[in-house]
Structures are given as C-alpha cells and as structure tokens.
Amino acid sequence: MYAKRQQWISPEEYLEMERQAETRNEYWNGQVRAKPSANRAHNLIVVNLLCHLSDQLKDKACEVYASAMRVKVSSSNWYVYPDLAVACDDPQFEDLHEDTLLNPTVMVDVISKSNEILDHGTRFVHYRLLPSLTDYVVIFEDAAAIEVYSRQPDEKWLLSFYEGMDVVATLSAIGCDLVLAEVYDMIQ
C-alpha cells in the first residue's frame, strides 16, 4: 500500500495549523511531518543538557530554548524543532508570536537509531545554511558520544568527536563545556 501524498501547503498555512495543533509538526518545503515522540533516555538527555547549558549561560547574553521552540531555516523553507537551541545577543523571531526563532547560535539534536539518518545528515545540510549558527551538536542516545560541528572562519565546518563518560565536549562559540557524565546522568 502506498502512502497518500500530502497536498502542498504554504508556510503561512503551516504556522496557522501548527499554532493550534496539540502535537508538534515540522514543515519541509510544503510538506508537514509529525515530530516523533521521544523515549525516556532522549528526554533525560535533553533535560540534563538544558540544565547544564542554562547554568553556564546565566551570566551571558544567551537564551536556551527547549524542544518546543521552532526554528526557521529561511533559505530552504524549513521549520524544525531541534531538541535544544541557543540564541545569543539578540534573538530574532519570525513574528510577534515569538515561537519561531530565526537566528540560533547553537542547535542540538539527540539521535537514536530510528532518526539517525535524518538528524545526522539531512538536518545538518539545512542547518548549516543558517548564517547565525556556529555549532551543531549531535548527541547519541544509545552511547556516551557527542559530535560537535563548528563553523570555521572560512565557512567550512570542523567535526570534533567526544566519546566516554570522562570526556568534556567544548562549545567555544558560547563558552560552554558539556561534561558527558552530566549529559548522560541517569542514562548509563
């Protein structure tokens, strides 16, 4: 059996529907896709990371947003919900609702085997089109491992891979460290 192809909808129609929806949906170039639910490990990692980054950023001009903050990638017509986003200096939003961030500095996705291809590849292809983005962080749900993709001055991206509970990942653009033992607290 074949899935029925969705009708193309405009970004304005998507936002109107999404602001009334009980569940989160992402918009990718005219198509709406449900955001998958998250399991225990995924949620604990996001909460640990939220607490960890919030503590480090409390005296800086940055705001940390949990997974309910939508991010717009204007150049590729995407609206997505990263697991975490950080905006520094002057957060900008698409409209007065302030529910769609335009200029994240850091975006984080926690990935599992079921969403690895999408989060690990496709999302990053689009995320790196955001001029404000300095770091894209991928946290593996099933292993103590983090990838940090950092934008370099020549606009190339440098991958740093951190593995093991005794390791500290660095997000130099926002002056934060991710202690893997704290990120994976209550998981491993």
Protein backbone atom coordinates (compact mmCIF):
# COMPACT_ATOMS: atom_id res chain seq x y z
CA MET A 1 0.00 0.00 0.00
CA TYR A 2 1.30 3.45 -0.88
CA ALA A 3 1.08 6.46 1.37
CA LYS A 4 -1.16 9.19 0.09
CA ARG A 5 0.85 12.21 -0.99
CA GLN A 6 0.10 15.31 1.04
CA GLN A 7 -1.12 18.43 -0.63
CA TRP A 8 1.41 21.26 -0.67
CA ILE A 9 0.66 23.96 1.90
CA SER A 10 2.17 27.39 2.32
CA PRO A 11 4.35 28.37 5.29
CA GLU A 12 1.56 30.67 6.47
CA GLU A 13 -0.96 27.79 6.41
CA TYR A 14 1.50 25.59 8.27
CA LEU A 15 2.07 28.18 11.02
CA GLU A 16 -1.65 28.73 11.44
CA MET A 17 -2.26 24.98 11.79
CA GLU A 18 0.80 24.40 13.97
CA ARG A 19 -0.14 27.09 16.47
CA GLN A 20 -3.43 25.27 17.07
CA ALA A 21 -2.06 21.70 16.98
CA GLU A 22 -1.76 19.52 20.07
CA THR A 23 1.34 17.82 18.69
CA ARG A 24 4.43 19.26 17.04
CA ASN A 25 4.87 19.03 13.30
CA GLU A 26 7.75 20.13 11.12
CA TYR A 27 7.43 21.82 7.75
CA TRP A 28 9.75 20.93 4.93
CA ASN A 29 9.16 22.77 1.67
CA GLY A 30 5.38 22.47 1.53
CA GLN A 31 5.00 19.17 3.39
CA VAL A 32 4.10 18.68 7.05
CA ARG A 33 5.67 15.83 9.01
CA ALA A 34 4.88 14.81 12.57
CA LYS A 35 7.73 15.23 15.02
CA PRO A 36 8.37 11.79 16.51
CA SER A 37 7.80 11.25 20.20
CA ALA A 38 10.80 10.75 22.48
CA ASN A 39 11.63 7.95 24.91
CA ARG A 40 12.94 8.14 28.48
CA ALA A 41 16.64 8.33 27.58
CA HIS A 42 16.03 11.03 24.98
CA ASN A 43 14.06 13.17 27.44
CA LEU A 44 16.58 12.77 30.25
CA ILE A 45 19.45 13.79 27.97
CA VAL A 46 17.56 16.90 26.83
CA VAL A 47 16.70 17.89 30.41
CA ASN A 48 20.27 17.28 31.59
CA LEU A 49 21.63 19.35 28.72
CA LEU A 50 19.10 22.14 29.30
CA CYS A 51 20.13 22.40 32.96
CA HIS A 52 23.82 22.12 32.16
CA LEU A 53 23.79 24.84 29.50
CA SER A 54 21.40 27.13 31.39
CA ASP A 55 23.76 27.17 34.38
CA GLN A 56 26.75 28.05 32.20
CA LEU A 57 24.92 30.74 30.25
CA LYS A 58 23.10 32.50 33.10
CA ASP A 59 25.50 35.46 33.14
CA LYS A 60 25.82 35.70 29.35
CA ALA A 61 23.58 37.31 26.75
CA CYS A 62 22.25 33.93 25.59
CA GLU A 63 18.93 32.16 25.93
CA VAL A 64 18.40 28.37 25.89
CA TYR A 65 15.23 27.01 24.32
CA ALA A 66 13.86 23.52 24.79
CA SER A 67 12.35 21.36 22.07
CA ALA A 68 9.12 23.37 21.81
CA MET A 69 10.91 26.31 20.14
CA ARG A 70 10.52 26.13 16.38
CA VAL A 71 13.45 27.25 14.20
CA LYS A 72 13.05 28.53 10.66
CA VAL A 73 15.69 27.82 8.04
CA SER A 74 14.57 30.51 5.62
CA SER A 75 16.82 29.67 2.68
CA SER A 76 15.49 26.09 2.43
CA ASN A 77 11.92 26.77 3.58
CA TRP A 78 12.13 24.50 6.65
CA TYR A 79 10.52 24.83 10.05
CA VAL A 80 12.03 22.37 12.52
CA TYR A 81 12.09 21.59 16.22
CA PRO A 82 15.62 20.86 17.38
CA ASP A 83 15.89 19.25 20.79
CA LEU A 84 17.64 22.38 22.06
CA ALA A 85 18.56 25.76 20.61
CA VAL A 86 20.69 28.58 21.99
CA ALA A 87 20.37 32.16 20.75
CA CYS A 88 22.86 34.80 21.79
CA ASP A 89 22.90 38.60 21.85
CA ASP A 90 19.62 39.50 20.12
CA PRO A 91 17.23 36.58 19.50
CA GLN A 92 15.12 37.27 16.42
CA PHE A 93 11.72 35.79 15.75
CA GLU A 94 9.60 35.48 12.64
CA ASP A 95 6.68 37.41 14.08
CA LEU A 96 5.13 38.74 17.30
CA HIS A 97 4.22 35.23 18.50
CA GLU A 98 7.94 34.72 19.31
CA ASP A 99 7.58 30.99 18.71
CA THR A 100 9.80 30.71 15.61
CA LEU A 101 13.48 31.50 16.15
CA LEU A 102 15.40 32.84 13.14
CA ASN A 103 18.97 33.14 14.46
CA PRO A 104 20.10 30.23 16.62
CA THR A 105 23.75 30.19 17.60
CA VAL A 106 23.76 26.53 18.64
CA MET A 107 21.35 23.73 17.75
CA VAL A 108 21.27 20.29 19.37
CA ASP A 109 19.66 17.05 18.24
CA VAL A 110 19.59 13.89 20.32
CA ILE A 111 19.58 10.99 17.91
CA SER A 112 18.62 7.35 18.15
CA LYS A 113 18.94 4.57 15.62
CA SER A 114 15.45 5.36 14.29
CA ASN A 115 16.17 9.02 13.47
CA GLU A 116 19.94 8.87 12.84
CA ILE A 117 19.84 9.30 9.07
CA LEU A 118 17.51 12.30 9.20
CA ASP A 119 19.17 14.08 12.12
CA HIS A 120 22.72 13.17 11.28
CA GLY A 121 22.63 14.07 7.63
CA THR A 122 19.62 15.82 6.21
CA ARG A 123 19.07 18.25 9.07
CA PHE A 124 22.69 19.38 9.13
CA VAL A 125 22.64 20.05 5.38
CA HIS A 126 19.88 22.59 6.05
CA TYR A 127 21.00 23.84 9.47
CA ARG A 128 24.35 24.98 8.15
CA LEU A 129 22.51 27.40 5.84
CA LEU A 130 21.68 29.49 8.92
CA PRO A 131 24.24 32.32 8.96
CA SER A 132 23.94 32.67 12.75
CA LEU A 133 24.70 29.01 13.51
CA THR A 134 28.17 28.46 14.96
CA ASP A 135 27.73 24.94 16.35
CA TYR A 136 25.56 21.94 15.59
CA VAL A 137 25.66 19.30 18.33
CA VAL A 138 24.62 15.70 17.81
CA ILE A 139 24.17 13.64 20.97
CA PHE A 140 23.86 9.89 20.62
CA GLU A 141 21.09 8.42 22.73
CA ASP A 142 22.49 4.90 22.94
CA ALA A 143 26.18 5.67 23.63
CA ALA A 144 28.16 8.27 25.55
CA ALA A 145 29.19 10.14 22.41
CA ILE A 146 28.77 13.67 21.09
CA GLU A 147 29.63 15.23 17.75
CA VAL A 148 30.17 18.97 17.57
CA TYR A 149 30.21 20.59 14.15
CA SER A 150 31.75 24.07 14.45
CA ARG A 151 31.70 26.73 11.75
CA GLN A 152 35.19 27.94 10.96
CA PRO A 153 36.17 31.46 9.80
CA ASP A 154 36.45 30.18 6.21
CA GLU A 155 32.81 28.90 6.47
CA LYS A 156 33.94 25.27 6.49
CA TRP A 157 32.73 23.02 9.30
CA LEU A 158 35.05 21.22 11.71
CA LEU A 159 33.87 17.99 13.33
CA SER A 160 35.01 17.22 16.88
CA PHE A 161 34.02 13.81 18.25
CA TYR A 162 33.84 13.18 22.00
CA GLU A 163 33.29 9.72 23.46
CA GLY A 164 33.27 8.36 27.00
CA MET A 165 31.78 9.39 30.32
CA ASP A 166 35.01 11.08 31.47
CA VAL A 167 35.21 13.39 28.43
CA VAL A 168 34.29 17.08 28.13
CA ALA A 169 32.98 18.47 24.83
CA THR A 170 33.65 22.15 24.15
CA LEU A 171 31.32 24.71 22.59
CA SER A 172 33.83 27.54 22.33
CA ALA A 173 31.50 29.90 20.44
CA ILE A 174 29.29 30.21 23.54
CA GLY A 175 31.96 29.44 26.14
CA CYS A 176 30.37 26.22 27.41
CA ASP A 177 31.59 22.74 28.19
CA LEU A 178 29.46 19.63 28.02
CA VAL A 179 30.58 17.11 30.62
CA LEU A 180 29.40 13.82 29.16
CA ALA A 181 28.90 12.30 32.62
CA GLU A 182 26.40 15.09 33.34
CA VAL A 183 24.74 14.94 29.91
CA TYR A 184 24.18 11.19 30.36
CA ASP A 185 23.33 11.32 34.08
CA MET A 186 20.77 8.61 34.95
CA ILE A 187 21.14 7.06 31.46
CA GLN A 188 24.20 4.79 31.58
